[in-house]
C-alpha atoms as a PDB file:
ATOM      1  CA  MET A   1     -14.802 137.367  51.528  1.00  0.00           C
ATOM      2  CA  LEU A   2     -17.217 139.755  49.123  1.00  0.00           C
ATOM      3  CA  CYS A   3     -15.640 140.768  45.998  1.00  0.00           C
ATOM      4  CA  TYR A   4     -16.890 144.226  44.075  1.00  0.00           C
ATOM      5  CA  ILE A   5     -16.714 144.691  40.953  1.00  0.00           C
ATOM      6  CA  ILE A   6     -18.214 148.564  39.547  1.00  0.00           C
ATOM      7  CA  LEU A   7     -17.613 148.691  35.959  1.00  0.00           C
ATOM      8  CA  TYR A   8     -17.646 152.527  34.673  1.00  0.00           C
ATOM      9  CA  PHE A   9     -18.697 152.433  31.115  1.00  0.00           C
ATOM     10  CA  PHE A  10     -17.524 155.735  28.791  1.00  0.00           C
ATOM     11  CA  MET A  11     -19.805 157.670  26.915  1.00  0.00           C
ATOM     12  CA  LEU A  12     -19.177 158.432  23.765  1.00  0.00           C
ATOM     13  CA  TYR A  13     -21.575 161.898  23.090  1.00  0.00           C
ATOM     14  CA  ILE A  14     -21.941 162.477  18.832  1.00  0.00           C
ATOM     15  CA  LEU A  15     -22.851 165.766  17.623  1.00  0.00           C
ATOM     16  CA  ASN A  16     -24.199 165.439  14.155  1.00  0.00           C
ATOM     17  CA  ARG A  17     -26.163 168.842  13.836  1.00  0.00           C
ATOM     18  CA  SER A  18     -24.753 172.701  13.782  1.00  0.00           C
ATOM     19  CA  PRO A  19     -24.257 173.768  17.355  1.00  0.00           C
ATOM     20  CA  TYR A  20     -26.130 176.428  16.189  1.00  0.00           C
ATOM     21  CA  LEU A  21     -29.353 174.334  16.159  1.00  0.00           C
ATOM     22  CA  SER A  22     -28.940 172.309  18.393  1.00  0.00           C
ATOM     23  CA  ASP A  23     -28.861 172.107  21.925  1.00  0.00           C
ATOM     24  CA  PHE A  24     -25.845 174.033  22.221  1.00  0.00           C
ATOM     25  CA  LYS A  25     -26.078 174.700  26.387  1.00  0.00           C
ATOM     26  CA  SER A  26     -26.704 171.345  27.542  1.00  0.00           C
ATOM     27  CA  VAL A  27     -24.252 170.414  25.435  1.00  0.00           C
ATOM     28  CA  LEU A  28     -21.414 171.928  26.529  1.00  0.00           C
ATOM     29  CA  ARG A  29     -22.278 171.197  30.664  1.00  0.00           C
ATOM     30  CA  ILE A  30     -21.848 167.487  29.734  1.00  0.00           C
ATOM     31  CA  ILE A  31     -18.534 168.495  27.965  1.00  0.00           C
ATOM     32  CA  ASN A  32     -16.970 170.988  30.814  1.00  0.00           C
ATOM     33  CA  CYS A  33     -18.311 168.724  33.610  1.00  0.00           C
ATOM     34  CA  ASN A  34     -16.079 165.855  32.470  1.00  0.00           C
ATOM     35  CA  GLU A  35     -13.187 168.262  33.994  1.00  0.00           C
ATOM     36  CA  ASP A  36     -15.896 169.864  36.795  1.00  0.00           C
ATOM     37  CA  CYS A  37     -17.518 166.678  38.280  1.00  0.00           C
ATOM     38  CA  ASN A  38     -14.945 164.623  38.527  1.00  0.00           C
ATOM     39  CA  ASP A  39     -11.361 163.677  36.840  1.00  0.00           C
ATOM     40  CA  ASP A  40     -11.734 159.740  36.291  1.00  0.00           C
ATOM     41  CA  PHE A  41     -14.302 160.799  33.220  1.00  0.00           C
ATOM     42  CA  ASN A  42     -12.983 159.502  30.194  1.00  0.00           C
ATOM     43  CA  ASP A  43     -15.244 160.380  27.909  1.00  0.00           C
ATOM     44  CA  ASP A  44     -15.633 161.070  24.007  1.00  0.00           C
ATOM     45  CA  LEU A  45     -16.755 163.810  22.220  1.00  0.00           C
ATOM     46  CA  LEU A  46     -17.418 163.518  18.472  1.00  0.00           C
ATOM     47  CA  LEU A  47     -18.443 166.046  15.534  1.00  0.00           C
ATOM     48  CA  ILE A  48     -19.615 164.562  12.702  1.00  0.00           C
ATOM     49  CA  SER A  49     -22.471 166.072   9.500  1.00  0.00           C
ATOM     50  CA  ASP A  50     -22.602 169.670  10.643  1.00  0.00           C
ATOM     51  CA  GLY A  51     -20.824 168.600  14.794  1.00  0.00           C
ATOM     52  CA  VAL A  52     -17.340 169.954  12.584  1.00  0.00           C
ATOM     53  CA  ILE A  53     -18.546 173.776  13.612  1.00  0.00           C
ATOM     54  CA  LEU A  54     -18.026 173.206  16.666  1.00  0.00           C
ATOM     55  CA  GLY A  55     -14.345 172.124  16.260  1.00  0.00           C
ATOM     56  CA  LEU A  56     -13.592 175.946  13.631  1.00  0.00           C
ATOM     57  CA  ASN A  57     -10.343 177.350  15.468  1.00  0.00           C
ATOM     58  CA  ASN A  58     -11.279 180.939  17.390  1.00  0.00           C
ATOM     59  CA  SER A  59     -15.179 180.675  16.791  1.00  0.00           C
ATOM     60  CA  PHE A  60     -17.536 181.723  19.794  1.00  0.00           C
ATOM     61  CA  PHE A  61     -17.975 177.600  20.719  1.00  0.00           C
ATOM     62  CA  SER A  62     -14.606 176.657  20.163  1.00  0.00           C
ATOM     63  CA  LYS A  63     -13.737 179.082  22.998  1.00  0.00           C
ATOM     64  CA  LYS A  64     -16.683 177.621  25.416  1.00  0.00           C
ATOM     65  CA  ILE A  65     -15.452 174.535  25.551  1.00  0.00           C
ATOM     66  CA  LYS A  66     -12.727 173.293  27.900  1.00  0.00           C
ATOM     67  CA  ASN A  67      -9.789 170.278  27.164  1.00  0.00           C
ATOM     68  CA  SER A  68     -11.679 168.346  29.279  1.00  0.00           C
ATOM     69  CA  MET A  69     -12.560 165.251  26.868  1.00  0.00           C
ATOM     70  CA  ASN A  70     -11.700 163.739  24.306  1.00  0.00           C
ATOM     71  CA  ILE A  71     -12.268 165.695  20.982  1.00  0.00           C
ATOM     72  CA  TYR A  72     -12.062 164.058  18.306  1.00  0.00           C
ATOM     73  CA  ALA A  73     -13.540 165.102  14.533  1.00  0.00           C
ATOM     74  CA  LEU A  74     -14.391 163.123  10.943  1.00  0.00           C
ATOM     75  CA  LYS A  75     -11.826 164.342   8.661  1.00  0.00           C
ATOM     76  CA  ASN A  76     -13.965 163.327   5.606  1.00  0.00           C
ATOM     77  CA  ASP A  77     -16.530 165.453   7.002  1.00  0.00           C
ATOM     78  CA  ILE A  78     -14.370 168.997   7.490  1.00  0.00           C
ATOM     79  CA  GLU A  79     -12.483 168.288   4.024  1.00  0.00           C
ATOM     80  CA  ALA A  80     -16.407 167.995   2.498  1.00  0.00           C
ATOM     81  CA  ARG A  81     -16.972 171.831   4.461  1.00  0.00           C
ATOM     82  CA  GLY A  82     -13.576 173.194   3.028  1.00  0.00           C
ATOM     83  CA  LEU A  83     -12.574 173.548   6.932  1.00  0.00           C
ATOM     84  CA  PHE A  84      -9.541 171.959   7.762  1.00  0.00           C
ATOM     85  CA  SER A  85      -7.221 175.195   7.241  1.00  0.00           C
ATOM     86  CA  TYR A  86      -9.856 176.672   9.758  1.00  0.00           C
ATOM     87  CA  TYR A  87      -9.584 173.622  11.981  1.00  0.00           C
ATOM     88  CA  LEU A  88      -8.619 173.626  15.961  1.00  0.00           C
ATOM     89  CA  SER A  89      -5.684 171.449  15.770  1.00  0.00           C
ATOM     90  CA  ASN A  90      -6.046 170.388  19.648  1.00  0.00           C
ATOM     91  CA  ILE A  91      -9.440 168.472  18.129  1.00  0.00           C
ATOM     92  CA  LYS A  92      -7.986 164.869  17.114  1.00  0.00           C
ATOM     93  CA  LEU A  93      -9.100 163.934  13.261  1.00  0.00           C
ATOM     94  CA  ILE A  94     -10.418 160.127  12.682  1.00  0.00           C
ATOM     95  CA  ASP A  95     -11.762 158.641  10.135  1.00  0.00           C
ATOM     96  CA  TYR A  96     -14.308 155.556   9.771  1.00  0.00           C
ATOM     97  CA  ILE A  97     -12.480 152.978  11.263  1.00  0.00           C
ATOM     98  CA  ASP A  98     -11.664 155.669  14.301  1.00  0.00           C
ATOM     99  CA  PHE A  99     -15.287 155.916  14.255  1.00  0.00           C
ATOM    100  CA  ILE A 100     -16.191 152.150  15.015  1.00  0.00           C
ATOM    101  CA  LYS A 101     -13.335 151.293  17.620  1.00  0.00           C
ATOM    102  CA  LEU A 102     -14.810 154.406  19.335  1.00  0.00           C
ATOM    103  CA  THR A 103     -18.323 153.309  19.023  1.00  0.00           C
ATOM    104  CA  GLU A 104     -16.631 150.287  21.134  1.00  0.00           C
ATOM    105  CA  LYS A 105     -15.004 151.561  23.284  1.00  0.00           C
ATOM    106  CA  ASN A 106     -17.833 153.747  23.951  1.00  0.00           C
ATOM    107  CA  LEU A 107     -21.154 151.043  24.894  1.00  0.00           C
ATOM    108  CA  GLN A 108     -22.620 154.094  25.825  1.00  0.00           C
ATOM    109  CA  GLN A 109     -23.466 157.035  23.124  1.00  0.00           C
ATOM    110  CA  VAL A 110     -26.026 159.648  23.100  1.00  0.00           C
ATOM    111  CA  THR A 111     -26.092 161.451  19.988  1.00  0.00           C
ATOM    112  CA  TRP A 112     -27.294 165.530  19.155  1.00  0.00           C
END
């Protein structure tokens, strides 16, 4: 009797540049593909440095993102830019310890 084990390694997408300066169309395709392509995906998106601009309330970028994946942002980076009161409530704010936990959970990572 043969047994096959299929492992899926979750992916962590890290956006560290402003969506104005990065290839936002590619980021958007991946983020929204989780909802359109396969319901079993459980990938994560982490916003750090200037990437936290993506999570601004009522921004062009926030309107383009579907709620198809877990989205996190480093709280320190949001506070350092004075954006805390303008931030989307559905994005989970995390600290550096949680950042490490995300990298442990997601063995595969892509950074923009």
